[in-house]
N, C-alpha and C. Protein backbone atom coordinates (compact mmCIF):
# COMPACT_ATOMS: atom_id res chain seq x y z
N UNK A 1 120.07 73.46 78.27
CA UNK A 1 119.22 73.42 78.83
C UNK A 1 117.83 73.51 78.49
N UNK A 2 116.91 72.20 79.15
CA UNK A 2 115.87 71.92 79.11
C UNK A 2 114.65 72.99 79.36
N UNK A 3 113.40 73.04 78.55
CA UNK A 3 112.51 74.05 78.56
C UNK A 3 111.57 73.94 79.89
N UNK A 4 111.26 74.56 80.18
CA UNK A 4 110.53 74.96 81.84
C UNK A 4 109.00 74.22 81.02
N UNK A 5 109.44 73.25 82.40
CA UNK A 5 107.53 72.75 81.57
C UNK A 5 106.40 73.25 82.50
N UNK A 6 105.29 72.84 82.02
CA UNK A 6 104.16 74.13 82.00
C UNK A 6 103.96 73.77 83.89
N UNK A 7 103.14 74.92 84.32
CA UNK A 7 102.96 75.22 85.48
C UNK A 7 102.22 74.26 86.50
N UNK A 8 102.86 73.51 87.10
CA UNK A 8 101.99 72.57 87.77
C UNK A 8 101.43 73.18 88.91
N UNK A 9 99.81 72.98 89.83
CA UNK A 9 98.89 73.50 90.93
C UNK A 9 99.01 71.70 91.22
N UNK A 10 100.63 72.25 92.59
CA UNK A 10 100.48 71.26 93.72
C UNK A 10 100.10 70.69 94.70
N UNK A 11 98.70 70.25 95.18
CA UNK A 11 98.11 70.38 96.17
C UNK A 11 98.74 70.11 96.98
N UNK A 12 99.68 69.19 97.02
CA UNK A 12 100.11 68.45 98.48
C UNK A 12 101.07 69.56 98.70
N UNK A 13 101.87 70.30 98.24
CA UNK A 13 102.76 71.45 98.30
C UNK A 13 102.02 72.55 99.03
N UNK A 14 100.98 73.13 98.03
CA UNK A 14 100.23 74.33 97.90
C UNK A 14 101.26 75.65 97.30
N UNK A 15 101.43 75.01 96.91
CA UNK A 15 102.86 75.67 95.27
C UNK A 15 102.36 75.70 94.07
N UNK A 16 102.20 77.04 92.99
CA UNK A 16 102.36 76.41 91.61
C UNK A 16 103.38 76.43 91.47
N UNK A 17 104.05 75.29 90.63
CA UNK A 17 105.83 74.71 90.67
C UNK A 17 105.65 74.87 88.64
N UNK A 18 107.57 75.14 88.49
CA UNK A 18 107.54 74.97 87.48
C UNK A 18 109.44 73.93 87.31
N UNK A 19 109.28 73.14 87.03
CA UNK A 19 110.65 71.79 87.08
C UNK A 19 111.35 72.78 85.74
N UNK A 20 112.90 72.49 86.35
CA UNK A 20 113.85 72.38 85.17
C UNK A 20 115.16 72.14 85.43
N UNK A 21 115.41 71.10 84.71
CA UNK A 21 116.65 70.73 85.33
C UNK A 21 116.84 70.52 86.93
N UNK A 22 116.13 70.12 87.12
CA UNK A 22 116.13 69.40 88.83
C UNK A 22 115.77 70.43 89.50
N UNK A 23 115.86 71.61 89.66
CA UNK A 23 115.09 72.96 89.99
C UNK A 23 114.07 73.11 89.91
N UNK A 24 113.40 73.37 91.10
CA UNK A 24 111.51 73.60 90.94
C UNK A 24 111.46 75.60 91.45
N UNK A 25 111.25 76.10 90.21
CA UNK A 25 110.28 77.81 91.15
C UNK A 25 109.16 77.35 91.25
N UNK A 26 108.71 78.04 92.33
CA UNK A 26 107.17 78.26 92.53
C UNK A 26 106.66 79.37 93.70
N UNK A 27 105.19 79.08 93.31
CA UNK A 27 104.72 80.22 94.09
C UNK A 27 103.88 79.96 94.94
N UNK A 28 103.79 80.19 96.61
CA UNK A 28 103.01 78.99 97.49
C UNK A 28 101.72 79.98 97.35
N UNK A 29 100.64 78.84 97.64
CA UNK A 29 99.27 79.82 97.88
C UNK A 29 99.11 78.95 99.19
N UNK A 30 98.26 80.20 100.02
CA UNK A 30 96.59 79.26 101.00
C UNK A 30 95.17 79.88 100.07
N UNK A 31 94.63 79.04 100.32
CA UNK A 31 93.26 78.84 99.95
C UNK A 31 92.15 79.33 100.64
N UNK A 32 92.03 80.57 101.11
CA UNK A 32 91.36 80.74 102.90
C UNK A 32 89.86 81.69 102.71
N UNK A 33 88.45 81.07 102.88
CA UNK A 33 87.54 82.47 102.88
C UNK A 33 87.30 83.08 101.39
N UNK A 34 87.20 82.17 99.98
CA UNK A 34 87.13 83.18 99.42
C UNK A 34 88.25 83.64 98.62
N UNK A 35 89.05 83.61 99.08
CA UNK A 35 90.58 84.54 98.42
C UNK A 35 91.25 82.79 98.37
N UNK A 36 92.70 83.77 97.70
CA UNK A 36 93.52 82.97 97.59
C UNK A 36 94.95 83.86 98.22
N UNK A 37 95.47 83.41 98.60
CA UNK A 37 96.72 83.73 99.90
C UNK A 37 97.92 83.84 99.16
N UNK A 38 98.93 84.44 98.96
CA UNK A 38 100.44 84.33 97.69
C UNK A 38 101.16 84.59 98.67
N UNK A 39 101.92 84.01 99.44
CA UNK A 39 103.19 84.95 100.55
C UNK A 39 104.41 84.81 100.06
N UNK A 40 104.46 83.63 98.73
CA UNK A 40 106.03 83.44 98.44
C UNK A 40 106.52 83.09 97.16
N UNK A 41 107.09 83.75 96.82
CA UNK A 41 107.82 83.06 95.11
C UNK A 41 108.83 82.66 95.24
N UNK A 42 109.82 81.69 95.18
CA UNK A 42 110.98 81.44 94.58
C UNK A 42 111.45 81.08 93.05
N UNK A 43 111.97 81.51 92.52
CA UNK A 43 112.67 81.27 91.31
C UNK A 43 114.53 81.30 91.46
N UNK A 44 114.50 80.06 91.09
CA UNK A 44 116.30 79.94 91.43
C UNK A 44 116.75 80.70 90.27
N UNK A 45 117.89 81.05 90.80
CA UNK A 45 118.86 81.92 89.36
C UNK A 45 118.96 81.15 88.17
N UNK A 46 118.80 79.91 88.33
CA UNK A 46 119.08 79.30 86.73
C UNK A 46 117.55 79.54 86.05
N UNK A 47 116.57 80.18 86.22
CA UNK A 47 115.06 80.10 85.88
C UNK A 47 115.22 81.79 85.31
N UNK A 48 116.22 82.50 86.02
CA UNK A 48 115.96 84.16 85.89
C UNK A 48 116.42 84.18 84.39
N UNK A 49 114.94 85.31 83.93
CA UNK A 49 114.79 85.82 82.29
C UNK A 49 114.53 84.67 81.41
N UNK A 50 113.79 83.83 81.46
CA UNK A 50 113.39 82.53 81.11
C UNK A 50 111.57 83.24 81.30
N UNK A 51 110.86 84.04 81.80
CA UNK A 51 109.65 84.06 82.20
C UNK A 51 108.67 83.27 82.64
N UNK A 52 109.42 82.54 83.76
CA UNK A 52 109.31 81.58 85.11
C UNK A 52 108.63 81.72 85.51
N UNK A 53 108.61 83.45 86.16
CA UNK A 53 108.05 84.02 87.59
C UNK A 53 106.81 84.30 86.77
N UNK A 54 106.86 84.95 85.75
CA UNK A 54 105.27 85.59 84.62
C UNK A 54 104.48 84.19 85.02
N UNK A 55 105.03 83.16 84.34
CA UNK A 55 103.82 82.31 83.98
C UNK A 55 103.79 81.71 85.78
N UNK A 56 104.12 81.64 87.13
CA UNK A 56 103.67 81.34 87.63
C UNK A 56 102.70 82.49 88.00
N UNK A 57 102.79 83.71 88.04
CA UNK A 57 101.61 84.58 88.29
C UNK A 57 100.72 84.34 87.52
N UNK A 58 100.88 84.11 86.33
CA UNK A 58 99.89 84.03 85.93
C UNK A 58 99.20 82.72 85.89
N UNK A 59 99.51 81.54 86.37
CA UNK A 59 98.79 80.70 87.20
C UNK A 59 98.32 80.52 87.65
N UNK A 60 98.63 81.13 88.86
CA UNK A 60 97.95 81.21 90.53
C UNK A 60 97.24 82.21 89.98
N UNK A 61 96.97 83.56 89.01
CA UNK A 61 96.14 84.60 89.13
C UNK A 61 94.75 84.07 88.23
N UNK A 62 95.35 82.85 87.39
CA UNK A 62 94.29 82.04 86.26
C UNK A 62 93.72 81.60 87.20
N UNK A 63 93.79 80.86 88.01
CA UNK A 63 93.41 79.67 88.75
C UNK A 63 92.00 80.68 90.06
N UNK A 64 92.69 81.81 90.45
CA UNK A 64 91.70 83.02 91.14
C UNK A 64 90.61 82.91 90.41
N UNK A 65 90.77 83.68 88.97
CA UNK A 65 90.07 83.87 88.43
C UNK A 65 88.88 83.07 87.63
N UNK A 66 89.26 81.92 87.11
CA UNK A 66 88.86 80.59 86.98
C UNK A 66 87.54 80.13 88.24
N UNK A 67 87.98 80.11 89.70
CA UNK A 67 87.34 80.04 90.49
C UNK A 67 86.61 80.78 91.09
N UNK A 68 86.89 82.31 90.66
CA UNK A 68 86.11 83.43 91.56
C UNK A 68 86.46 83.61 92.93
N UNK A 69 87.91 83.82 93.22
CA UNK A 69 88.81 83.72 94.32
C UNK A 69 89.59 85.22 94.02
N UNK A 70 89.28 86.25 95.19
CA UNK A 70 89.99 87.34 95.26
C UNK A 70 91.73 87.03 95.52
N UNK A 71 92.44 88.04 95.37
CA UNK A 71 93.78 87.67 95.79
C UNK A 71 94.16 88.29 96.61
N UNK A 72 94.99 88.17 97.32
CA UNK A 72 96.10 88.14 98.53
C UNK A 72 97.53 88.42 98.24
N UNK A 73 97.44 89.21 97.27
CA UNK A 73 99.49 89.09 97.14
C UNK A 73 100.42 89.85 98.12
N UNK A 74 100.47 89.11 99.50
CA UNK A 74 101.27 89.27 100.04
C UNK A 74 102.68 89.06 99.40
N UNK A 75 103.07 88.53 98.65
CA UNK A 75 104.57 88.33 97.98
C UNK A 75 104.63 89.60 96.66
N UNK A 76 106.16 90.06 97.35
CA UNK A 76 106.52 91.31 96.56
C UNK A 76 106.61 90.95 95.04
N UNK A 77 106.81 89.42 94.47
CA UNK A 77 107.07 89.69 92.74
C UNK A 77 105.85 89.60 92.36
N UNK A 78 104.62 89.16 93.14
CA UNK A 78 103.26 88.79 92.72
C UNK A 78 102.32 90.14 92.63
N UNK A 79 102.67 91.03 93.81
CA UNK A 79 102.07 92.38 93.99
C UNK A 79 102.64 93.27 92.87
N UNK A 80 103.91 93.12 92.49
CA UNK A 80 104.68 93.84 91.21
C UNK A 80 103.94 93.43 89.96
N UNK A 81 104.08 92.47 89.92
CA UNK A 81 103.52 91.61 88.17
C UNK A 81 102.27 92.18 88.13
N UNK A 82 101.04 92.29 89.46
CA UNK A 82 99.70 93.13 89.34
C UNK A 82 99.85 94.23 88.92
N UNK A 83 100.51 95.08 89.68
CA UNK A 83 100.65 96.25 89.23
C UNK A 83 100.97 96.38 87.86
N UNK A 84 102.18 95.83 87.22
CA UNK A 84 102.15 95.88 85.82
C UNK A 84 100.97 95.41 85.02
N UNK A 85 100.01 94.53 85.48
CA UNK A 85 99.23 94.02 84.35
C UNK A 85 98.12 94.56 84.92
N UNK A 86 97.28 95.66 84.53
CA UNK A 86 95.93 95.75 85.07
C UNK A 86 94.96 94.50 84.64
N UNK A 87 94.85 93.78 83.53
CA UNK A 87 94.29 92.68 83.39
C UNK A 87 94.03 92.25 84.72
N UNK A 88 94.38 91.57 85.49
CA UNK A 88 94.72 90.58 86.73
C UNK A 88 93.99 91.86 88.54
N UNK A 89 94.60 92.98 87.65
CA UNK A 89 93.83 94.14 88.89
C UNK A 89 91.88 94.05 90.15
N UNK A 90 91.44 93.57 88.57
CA UNK A 90 90.17 93.38 89.13
C UNK A 90 89.80 92.16 90.45
N UNK A 91 91.09 91.65 90.23
CA UNK A 91 90.75 90.66 91.18
C UNK A 91 91.40 90.49 92.74
N UNK A 92 92.24 91.37 93.29
CA UNK A 92 92.85 92.03 94.34
C UNK A 92 91.56 92.42 95.29
N UNK A 93 92.29 91.56 96.56
CA UNK A 93 90.95 91.60 97.39
C UNK A 93 90.79 93.19 97.75
N UNK A 94 90.16 94.00 98.31
CA UNK A 94 89.60 95.42 98.74
C UNK A 94 90.65 95.50 99.68
N UNK A 95 91.09 94.44 100.81
CA UNK A 95 91.80 95.09 102.13
C UNK A 95 93.48 95.19 100.71
N UNK A 96 93.71 94.94 100.12
CA UNK A 96 95.09 94.74 99.26
C UNK A 96 94.85 95.58 98.39
N UNK A 97 94.00 96.77 97.90
CA UNK A 97 93.98 97.07 96.74
C UNK A 97 94.94 99.01 97.12
N UNK A 98 94.81 99.14 98.01
CA UNK A 98 95.41 100.72 98.27
C UNK A 98 97.06 100.25 98.91
N UNK A 99 97.45 98.79 99.94
CA UNK A 99 98.70 98.34 99.24
C UNK A 99 99.73 98.68 97.96
N UNK A 100 98.53 98.17 96.72
CA UNK A 100 99.07 98.22 95.14
C UNK A 100 98.88 99.28 94.90
N UNK A 101 98.50 100.25 95.27
CA UNK A 101 98.15 101.83 94.92
C UNK A 101 97.07 101.74 93.89
N UNK A 102 96.07 100.96 93.98
CA UNK A 102 95.15 100.57 92.84
C UNK A 102 93.50 101.59 93.69
N UNK A 103 92.79 101.79 92.79
CA UNK A 103 91.43 102.18 93.27
C UNK A 103 90.49 101.56 93.96
N UNK A 104 89.78 101.92 95.16
CA UNK A 104 89.16 101.51 96.33
C UNK A 104 87.90 100.54 95.50
């Protein structure tokens, strides 16, 4: 099986994507009023256990940090990733902090 390629930010589909053996894993995004909204992540079974979901989360959150955006993690996977990785918690938009059990 091929190694996952680097995560690509696809402006046309509004997704961070990784392609492997003809399949694509992705995290959708919407840029809105100084925030990046992350509504959905899809990781096909062929990608499971390969760190692809984490790579997608890191790419989306890294983009937010680099561009001074707050993060609105609607996607349960991204929300869970942030809860497990404190280094990203400062990015969470104030209205979402309570939903993740983070201090205001």
